C-alpha atoms as a PDB file:
ATOM      1  CA  MET A   1      25.811  -6.151  22.514  1.00  0.00           C
ATOM      2  CA  GLN A   2      24.711  -2.771  23.913  1.00  0.00           C
ATOM      3  CA  ALA A   3      25.116  -1.236  20.450  1.00  0.00           C
ATOM      4  CA  LEU A   4      23.067  -4.066  18.971  1.00  0.00           C
ATOM      5  CA  LEU A   5      20.347  -3.543  21.586  1.00  0.00           C
ATOM      6  CA  LYS A   6      20.208   0.157  20.629  1.00  0.00           C
ATOM      7  CA  PHE A   7      19.832  -0.911  16.996  1.00  0.00           C
ATOM      8  CA  SER A   8      17.080  -3.334  18.035  1.00  0.00           C
ATOM      9  CA  LYS A   9      15.276  -0.582  19.921  1.00  0.00           C
ATOM     10  CA  ALA A  10      15.456   1.690  16.856  1.00  0.00           C
ATOM     11  CA  VAL A  11      14.042  -1.047  14.610  1.00  0.00           C
ATOM     12  CA  ASP A  12      11.237  -1.710  17.102  1.00  0.00           C
ATOM     13  CA  TRP A  13      10.386   2.003  17.149  1.00  0.00           C
ATOM     14  CA  LEU A  14      10.383   2.173  13.332  1.00  0.00           C
ATOM     15  CA  ASN A  15       8.047  -0.790  12.885  1.00  0.00           C
ATOM     16  CA  ARG A  16       5.810   0.399  15.719  1.00  0.00           C
ATOM     17  CA  GLN A  17       5.370   3.717  13.889  1.00  0.00           C
ATOM     18  CA  VAL A  18       4.779   1.969  10.556  1.00  0.00           C
ATOM     19  CA  GLY A  19       2.115  -0.259  12.097  1.00  0.00           C
ATOM     20  CA  LYS A  20       0.510   2.680  13.856  1.00  0.00           C
ATOM     21  CA  TYR A  21      -0.061   4.605  10.623  1.00  0.00           C
ATOM     22  CA  VAL A  22      -0.341   1.891   7.959  1.00  0.00           C
ATOM     23  CA  ILE A  23      -3.342   0.408   9.764  1.00  0.00           C
ATOM     24  CA  TRP A  24      -5.316   3.437   8.498  1.00  0.00           C
ATOM     25  CA  LEU A  25      -5.084   1.856   5.039  1.00  0.00           C
ATOM     26  CA  ILE A  26      -7.646  -0.691   6.221  1.00  0.00           C
ATOM     27  CA  LEU A  27     -10.124   2.129   6.758  1.00  0.00           C
ATOM     28  CA  ALA A  28      -9.193   3.624   3.376  1.00  0.00           C
ATOM     29  CA  SER A  29      -9.754   0.268   1.678  1.00  0.00           C
ATOM     30  CA  THR A  30     -13.143  -0.075   3.383  1.00  0.00           C
ATOM     31  CA  VAL A  31     -14.187   3.420   2.284  1.00  0.00           C
ATOM     32  CA  VAL A  32     -13.107   2.799  -1.318  1.00  0.00           C
ATOM     33  CA  SER A  33     -14.988  -0.511  -1.326  1.00  0.00           C
ATOM     34  CA  ALA A  34     -18.133   1.157   0.021  1.00  0.00           C
ATOM     35  CA  ILE A  35     -17.979   4.010  -2.506  1.00  0.00           C
ATOM     36  CA  ASN A  36     -17.445   1.536  -5.344  1.00  0.00           C
ATOM     37  CA  ALA A  37     -20.450  -0.528  -4.235  1.00  0.00           C
ATOM     38  CA  ILE A  38     -22.701   2.547  -3.859  1.00  0.00           C
ATOM     39  CA  VAL A  39     -21.725   3.993  -7.256  1.00  0.00           C
ATOM     40  CA  ARG A  40     -22.194   0.613  -8.953  1.00  0.00           C
ATOM     41  CA  LYS A  41     -25.635   0.053  -7.423  1.00  0.00           C
ATOM     42  CA  ALA A  42     -26.913   3.628  -7.698  1.00  0.00           C
ATOM     43  CA  PHE A  43     -25.519   4.634 -11.089  1.00  0.00           C
ATOM     44  CA  ASN A  44     -24.610   1.277 -12.664  1.00  0.00           C
ATOM     45  CA  VAL A  45     -21.057   2.565 -13.088  1.00  0.00           C
ATOM     46  CA  SER A  46     -17.922   0.764 -12.037  1.00  0.00           C
ATOM     47  CA  SER A  47     -14.189   0.922 -12.614  1.00  0.00           C
ATOM     48  CA  ASN A  48     -11.396  -1.599 -12.381  1.00  0.00           C
ATOM     49  CA  ALA A  49      -9.311   1.165 -10.841  1.00  0.00           C
ATOM     50  CA  TYR A  50     -11.492   1.101  -7.711  1.00  0.00           C
ATOM     51  CA  LEU A  51     -11.064  -2.659  -7.409  1.00  0.00           C
ATOM     52  CA  GLU A  52      -7.313  -2.459  -7.903  1.00  0.00           C
ATOM     53  CA  VAL A  53      -6.952   0.352  -5.373  1.00  0.00           C
ATOM     54  CA  GLN A  54      -8.618  -1.934  -2.822  1.00  0.00           C
ATOM     55  CA  TRP A  55      -6.133  -4.751  -3.306  1.00  0.00           C
ATOM     56  CA  TYR A  56      -3.231  -2.292  -3.508  1.00  0.00           C
ATOM     57  CA  LEU A  57      -4.214  -0.971  -0.082  1.00  0.00           C
ATOM     58  CA  PHE A  58      -4.741  -4.473   1.287  1.00  0.00           C
ATOM     59  CA  ALA A  59      -1.369  -5.626  -0.070  1.00  0.00           C
ATOM     60  CA  ALA A  60       0.332  -2.601   1.492  1.00  0.00           C
ATOM     61  CA  THR A  61      -1.330  -3.265   4.845  1.00  0.00           C
ATOM     62  CA  PHE A  62      -0.456  -6.965   4.836  1.00  0.00           C
ATOM     63  CA  LEU A  63       3.170  -6.522   3.763  1.00  0.00           C
ATOM     64  CA  LEU A  64       4.104  -3.368   5.665  1.00  0.00           C
ATOM     65  CA  CYS A  65       2.501  -4.547   8.910  1.00  0.00           C
ATOM     66  CA  SER A  66       4.082  -8.016   8.899  1.00  0.00           C
ATOM     67  CA  ALA A  67       7.063  -6.669  10.857  1.00  0.00           C
ATOM     68  CA  TYR A  68       4.719  -4.921  13.313  1.00  0.00           C
ATOM     69  CA  THR A  69       2.912  -8.235  13.775  1.00  0.00           C
ATOM     70  CA  LEU A  70       6.203 -10.006  14.515  1.00  0.00           C
ATOM     71  CA  LEU A  71       7.159  -7.251  16.959  1.00  0.00           C
ATOM     72  CA  ASN A  72       3.967  -7.913  18.906  1.00  0.00           C
ATOM     73  CA  GLY A  73       4.230 -11.708  18.672  1.00  0.00           C
ATOM     74  CA  GLU A  74       0.912 -11.983  16.852  1.00  0.00           C
ATOM     75  CA  HIS A  75       1.861 -14.317  14.000  1.00  0.00           C
ATOM     76  CA  VAL A  76      -0.049 -17.585  13.927  1.00  0.00           C
ATOM     77  CA  LYS A  77       1.883 -20.368  15.640  1.00  0.00           C
ATOM     78  CA  ILE A  78       1.193 -24.092  15.880  1.00  0.00           C
ATOM     79  CA  ASP A  79       2.298 -24.741  19.446  1.00  0.00           C
ATOM     80  CA  VAL A  80       2.511 -28.461  20.246  1.00  0.00           C
ATOM     81  CA  LEU A  81       5.658 -28.670  22.377  1.00  0.00           C
ATOM     82  CA  TYR A  82       7.035 -25.122  22.469  1.00  0.00           C
ATOM     83  CA  GLY A  83       4.801 -23.898  25.299  1.00  0.00           C
ATOM     84  CA  HIS A  84       5.795 -26.806  27.566  1.00  0.00           C
ATOM     85  CA  TRP A  85       9.523 -26.141  27.388  1.00  0.00           C
ATOM     86  CA  SER A  86      11.574 -23.776  29.550  1.00  0.00           C
ATOM     87  CA  LYS A  87      11.927 -20.137  28.565  1.00  0.00           C
ATOM     88  CA  ARG A  88      15.592 -20.628  27.631  1.00  0.00           C
ATOM     89  CA  ALA A  89      14.681 -23.576  25.392  1.00  0.00           C
ATOM     90  CA  GLN A  90      12.007 -21.443  23.724  1.00  0.00           C
ATOM     91  CA  MET A  91      14.554 -18.686  23.122  1.00  0.00           C
ATOM     92  CA  TRP A  92      16.998 -21.129  21.514  1.00  0.00           C
ATOM     93  CA  ILE A  93      14.211 -22.393  19.245  1.00  0.00           C
ATOM     94  CA  ASP A  94      13.448 -18.792  18.261  1.00  0.00           C
ATOM     95  CA  VAL A  95      17.145 -18.135  17.564  1.00  0.00           C
ATOM     96  CA  PHE A  96      17.231 -21.218  15.329  1.00  0.00           C
ATOM     97  CA  GLY A  97      13.993 -20.236  13.575  1.00  0.00           C
ATOM     98  CA  PHE A  98      15.025 -16.635  12.923  1.00  0.00           C
ATOM     99  CA  THR A  99      18.505 -17.626  11.755  1.00  0.00           C
ATOM    100  CA  CYS A 100      17.639 -20.612   9.583  1.00  0.00           C
ATOM    101  CA  PHE A 101      14.171 -19.754   8.287  1.00  0.00           C
ATOM    102  CA  LEU A 102      12.920 -16.171   8.695  1.00  0.00           C
ATOM    103  CA  LEU A 103      16.041 -14.213   7.719  1.00  0.00           C
ATOM    104  CA  PRO A 104      16.954 -16.426   4.720  1.00  0.00           C
ATOM    105  CA  PHE A 105      13.293 -16.349   3.608  1.00  0.00           C
ATOM    106  CA  CYS A 106      13.218 -12.532   3.750  1.00  0.00           C
ATOM    107  CA  SER A 107      16.599 -12.324   2.013  1.00  0.00           C
ATOM    108  CA  ALA A 108      15.284 -14.431  -0.864  1.00  0.00           C
ATOM    109  CA  PHE A 109      12.248 -12.204  -1.286  1.00  0.00           C
ATOM    110  CA  LEU A 110      14.474  -9.117  -1.248  1.00  0.00           C
ATOM    111  CA  TRP A 111      16.844 -10.709  -3.769  1.00  0.00           C
ATOM    112  CA  PHE A 112      14.042 -11.367  -6.231  1.00  0.00           C
ATOM    113  CA  GLY A 113      11.662  -8.582  -5.165  1.00  0.00           C
ATOM    114  CA  VAL A 114      13.937  -5.586  -5.753  1.00  0.00           C
ATOM    115  CA  PRO A 115      14.641  -6.410  -9.453  1.00  0.00           C
ATOM    116  CA  PHE A 116      10.954  -7.249  -9.913  1.00  0.00           C
ATOM    117  CA  PHE A 117       9.982  -3.812  -8.591  1.00  0.00           C
ATOM    118  CA  LEU A 118      12.666  -2.009 -10.630  1.00  0.00           C
ATOM    119  CA  LYS A 119      11.563  -3.768 -13.812  1.00  0.00           C
ATOM    120  CA  GLY A 120       7.971  -2.652 -13.280  1.00  0.00           C
ATOM    121  CA  PHE A 121       9.086   0.873 -12.347  1.00  0.00           C
ATOM    122  CA  TYR A 122      11.296   1.480 -15.387  1.00  0.00           C
ATOM    123  CA  SER A 123       8.902  -0.178 -17.827  1.00  0.00           C
ATOM    124  CA  GLY A 124       5.896   1.743 -16.493  1.00  0.00           C
ATOM    125  CA  GLU A 125       3.915  -1.499 -16.436  1.00  0.00           C
ATOM    126  CA  VAL A 126       0.151  -0.963 -16.309  1.00  0.00           C
ATOM    127  CA  SER A 127      -2.566  -3.418 -15.372  1.00  0.00           C
ATOM    128  CA  SER A 128      -3.988  -5.320 -18.336  1.00  0.00           C
ATOM    129  CA  ASN A 129      -7.522  -4.622 -17.063  1.00  0.00           C
ATOM    130  CA  ALA A 130      -9.463  -1.782 -18.696  1.00  0.00           C
ATOM    131  CA  GLY A 131      -8.952   1.359 -16.619  1.00  0.00           C
ATOM    132  CA  GLY A 132      -6.313  -0.425 -14.561  1.00  0.00           C
ATOM    133  CA  LEU A 133      -3.531   1.265 -12.607  1.00  0.00           C
ATOM    134  CA  ILE A 134       0.231   1.310 -12.869  1.00  0.00           C
ATOM    135  CA  ARG A 135       1.752  -1.672 -11.098  1.00  0.00           C
ATOM    136  CA  TRP A 136       5.052  -0.447  -9.634  1.00  0.00           C
ATOM    137  CA  PRO A 137       3.550   1.099  -6.444  1.00  0.00           C
ATOM    138  CA  VAL A 138       2.215  -2.277  -5.344  1.00  0.00           C
ATOM    139  CA  TYR A 139       5.399  -4.020  -6.506  1.00  0.00           C
ATOM    140  CA  ALA A 140       7.315  -1.672  -4.202  1.00  0.00           C
ATOM    141  CA  MET A 141       5.469  -3.126  -1.235  1.00  0.00           C
ATOM    142  CA  ILE A 142       7.335  -6.435  -1.685  1.00  0.00           C
ATOM    143  CA  PRO A 143      10.891  -5.172  -0.951  1.00  0.00           C
ATOM    144  CA  LEU A 144       9.591  -2.640   1.572  1.00  0.00           C
ATOM    145  CA  GLY A 145       7.528  -5.186   3.477  1.00  0.00           C
ATOM    146  CA  PHE A 146      10.176  -7.905   3.512  1.00  0.00           C
ATOM    147  CA  GLY A 147      12.879  -5.344   4.249  1.00  0.00           C
ATOM    148  CA  LEU A 148      11.011  -4.256   7.385  1.00  0.00           C
ATOM    149  CA  LEU A 149      10.341  -7.893   8.305  1.00  0.00           C
ATOM    150  CA  PHE A 150      14.052  -8.707   7.872  1.00  0.00           C
ATOM    151  CA  LEU A 151      15.014  -5.819  10.166  1.00  0.00           C
ATOM    152  CA  GLN A 152      12.470  -6.931  12.747  1.00  0.00           C
ATOM    153  CA  GLY A 153      13.769 -10.483  12.519  1.00  0.00           C
ATOM    154  CA  VAL A 154      17.277  -9.201  13.263  1.00  0.00           C
ATOM    155  CA  SER A 155      15.884  -7.161  16.169  1.00  0.00           C
ATOM    156  CA  GLU A 156      14.088 -10.193  17.616  1.00  0.00           C
ATOM    157  CA  LEU A 157      17.229 -12.306  17.208  1.00  0.00           C
ATOM    158  CA  ILE A 158      19.289  -9.700  19.088  1.00  0.00           C
ATOM    159  CA  LYS A 159      16.757  -9.600  21.915  1.00  0.00           C
ATOM    160  CA  ARG A 160      16.700 -13.407  22.230  1.00  0.00           C
ATOM    161  CA  LEU A 161      20.488 -13.566  22.396  1.00  0.00           C
ATOM    162  CA  ALA A 162      20.605 -10.716  24.914  1.00  0.00           C
ATOM    163  CA  PHE A 163      18.108 -12.571  27.098  1.00  0.00           C
ATOM    164  CA  LEU A 164      20.174 -15.754  26.922  1.00  0.00           C
ATOM    165  CA  MET A 165      23.199 -13.710  27.995  1.00  0.00           C
ATOM    166  CA  GLY A 166      21.220 -12.349  30.955  1.00  0.00           C
ATOM    167  CA  LEU A 167      21.299  -8.757  29.727  1.00  0.00           C
ATOM    168  CA  ILE A 168      17.563  -8.098  29.384  1.00  0.00           C
ATOM    169  CA  ASP A 169      14.246  -9.408  30.661  1.00  0.00           C
ATOM    170  CA  ASP A 170      12.031 -11.756  28.666  1.00  0.00           C
ATOM    171  CA  PRO A 171      11.441  -9.975  25.311  1.00  0.00           C
ATOM    172  CA  THR A 172       8.377 -12.122  24.596  1.00  0.00           C
ATOM    173  CA  HIS A 173       6.498 -10.957  27.681  1.00  0.00           C
ATOM    174  CA  LYS A 174       3.459  -9.022  26.517  1.00  0.00           C
ATOM    175  CA  GLN A 175       2.529  -5.873  28.355  1.00  0.00           C
ATOM    176  CA  ILE A 176      -1.180  -5.153  28.449  1.00  0.00           C
ATOM    177  CA  GLU A 177      -1.669  -2.175  26.183  1.00  0.00           C
ATOM    178  CA  LYS A 178      -3.989  -0.994  23.466  1.00  0.00           C
ATOM    179  CA  THR A 179      -3.850  -2.802  20.151  1.00  0.00           C
ATOM    180  CA  ALA A 180      -3.457  -0.939  16.874  1.00  0.00           C
ATOM    181  CA  GLU A 181      -7.110  -1.691  16.103  1.00  0.00           C
ATOM    182  CA  GLU A 182      -8.202  -0.153  19.416  1.00  0.00           C
ATOM    183  CA  GLU A 183      -6.065   2.923  18.767  1.00  0.00           C
ATOM    184  CA  LEU A 184      -7.578   3.249  15.285  1.00  0.00           C
ATOM    185  CA  ALA A 185     -11.123   2.962  16.674  1.00  0.00           C
ATOM    186  CA  GLU A 186     -10.366   5.624  19.299  1.00  0.00           C
ATOM    187  CA  ALA A 187      -8.859   7.936  16.681  1.00  0.00           C
ATOM    188  CA  ILE A 188     -11.952   7.580  14.468  1.00  0.00           C
ATOM    189  CA  GLN A 189     -14.219   8.254  17.447  1.00  0.00           C
ATOM    190  CA  LYS A 190     -12.187  11.325  18.393  1.00  0.00           C
ATOM    191  CA  LEU A 191     -12.442  12.703  14.842  1.00  0.00           C
ATOM    192  CA  ALA A 192     -16.208  12.151  14.856  1.00  0.00           C
ATOM    193  CA  GLU A 193     -16.541  13.939  18.198  1.00  0.00           C
ATOM    194  CA  GLU A 194     -14.454  16.878  16.969  1.00  0.00           C
ATOM    195  CA  LYS A 195     -16.602  17.209  13.841  1.00  0.00           C
ATOM    196  CA  ALA A 196     -19.770  17.032  15.905  1.00  0.00           C
ATOM    197  CA  ALA A 197     -18.453  19.728  18.242  1.00  0.00           C
ATOM    198  CA  LYS A 198     -17.610  22.009  15.283  1.00  0.00           C
ATOM    199  CA  ALA A 199     -21.046  21.416  13.775  1.00  0.00           C
ATOM    200  CA  ASN A 200     -22.749  22.323  17.072  1.00  0.00           C
ATOM    201  CA  ALA A 201     -20.589  25.431  17.424  1.00  0.00           C
ATOM    202  CA  ALA A 202     -21.546  26.560  13.938  1.00  0.00           C
END
């Protein structure tokens, strides 16, 4: 179990890093959307490539950060009875859910998603829209995203079992810390302050 807990810790670290950096794609998508709107209004020029880049970035953010969301327990839950049961009962429900639903669901998407990506990659499939982009980069997000989610599901399963065995504290307990959105906002503010300082120095 100690080896499995080390594996779980490594998976948690990986998805924490992915979430930390992939969230910047939201800013990139916003910038692309703004530029596209300005160019269309000011010069009456538009391109399907701009629109497709936006949904490529959104798809990458949604899929690659799904594991990060699971790590932080932020997925939407419909809690009718779960919250009223004991912590051990909740852990057994999680073990059942991860084993019977999440991991098989991710496995199915990997089973079908990898060939789907490879087909698009080798064929060089391009969007049917005028000026559209190649499709395989966004297809790659399917196996990557569900692969990370599968690993995180295994990590969460290990932690639940370790808790039930009395080896670790409650893995669902949330420590009060900055969210990825707060970290992103602080990073943007820091960049703006650095640019302002350079401009004043010049």
